[in-house]
Amino acid sequence: MGTSIASASMSASAASLQLDYALAMTKKAMDTQETLAQGVLNMLPAPSDAKYIDVYA
C-alpha cells in the first residue's frame, strides 16, 4: 500500500513537471513568433494617404 501511494505521488509529480515544461516551451514559441511578426510588420511600407485600397490587385 505504501509503495502505491509513493508511486502515485511520483507519477503526479512527473506529470506536473511535463506540463510545466510544455507550457514554458509553448510560451517561448509564442514569444518568438511575436518577435518575428513584429519584424515583418516593421518591414512593411508606411500606409499612403490614399482614400481607397485596391483589393483586387
Protein backbone atom coordinates (compact mmCIF):
# COMPACT_ATOMS: atom_id res chain seq x y z
CA MET A 1 0.00 0.00 0.00
CA GLY A 2 2.81 2.40 0.87
CA THR A 3 4.55 1.85 -2.45
CA SER A 4 1.37 2.51 -4.43
CA ILE A 5 0.92 5.88 -2.72
CA ALA A 6 4.56 6.75 -3.37
CA SER A 7 4.23 5.61 -6.97
CA ALA A 8 1.10 7.71 -7.48
CA SER A 9 2.84 10.71 -5.95
CA MET A 10 5.85 10.29 -8.24
CA SER A 11 3.58 9.92 -11.28
CA ALA A 12 1.68 13.07 -10.36
CA SER A 13 4.94 14.94 -9.86
CA ALA A 14 6.28 13.79 -13.22
CA ALA A 15 3.04 14.77 -14.97
CA SER A 16 3.18 18.20 -13.35
CA LEU A 17 6.78 18.67 -14.47
CA GLN A 18 5.91 17.64 -18.03
CA LEU A 19 3.01 20.08 -18.09
CA ASP A 20 5.15 22.93 -16.74
CA TYR A 21 7.84 22.19 -19.33
CA ALA A 22 5.35 22.04 -22.21
CA LEU A 23 3.77 25.31 -21.10
CA ALA A 24 7.15 27.03 -20.87
CA MET A 25 8.09 25.82 -24.36
CA THR A 26 4.75 26.99 -25.76
CA LYS A 27 5.18 30.43 -24.21
CA LYS A 28 8.72 30.66 -25.60
CA ALA A 29 7.49 29.69 -29.08
CA MET A 30 4.73 32.30 -28.89
CA ASP A 31 7.22 34.98 -27.83
CA THR A 32 9.49 34.05 -30.74
CA GLN A 33 6.59 34.19 -33.21
CA GLU A 34 5.53 37.57 -31.83
CA THR A 35 9.05 38.92 -32.31
CA LEU A 36 9.20 37.60 -35.87
CA ALA A 37 5.77 39.03 -36.69
CA GLN A 38 6.80 42.41 -35.33
CA GLY A 39 9.86 42.33 -37.58
CA VAL A 40 7.70 41.57 -40.61
CA LEU A 41 5.32 44.40 -39.72
CA ASN A 42 8.25 46.79 -39.39
CA MET A 43 9.36 45.88 -42.93
CA LEU A 44 6.00 46.84 -44.44
CA PRO A 45 5.87 50.21 -46.16
CA ALA A 46 4.10 53.06 -44.44
CA PRO A 47 0.46 53.44 -45.49
CA SER A 48 -0.20 56.07 -48.11
CA ASP A 49 -2.75 58.82 -47.90
CA ALA A 50 -4.93 57.07 -50.49
CA LYS A 51 -8.57 57.06 -49.63
CA TYR A 52 -9.30 53.65 -51.20
CA ILE A 53 -7.34 50.42 -51.21
CA ASP A 54 -7.29 48.30 -54.37
CA VAL A 55 -8.20 44.89 -53.02
CA TYR A 56 -8.27 43.29 -56.49
CA ALA A 57 -4.60 43.90 -57.27
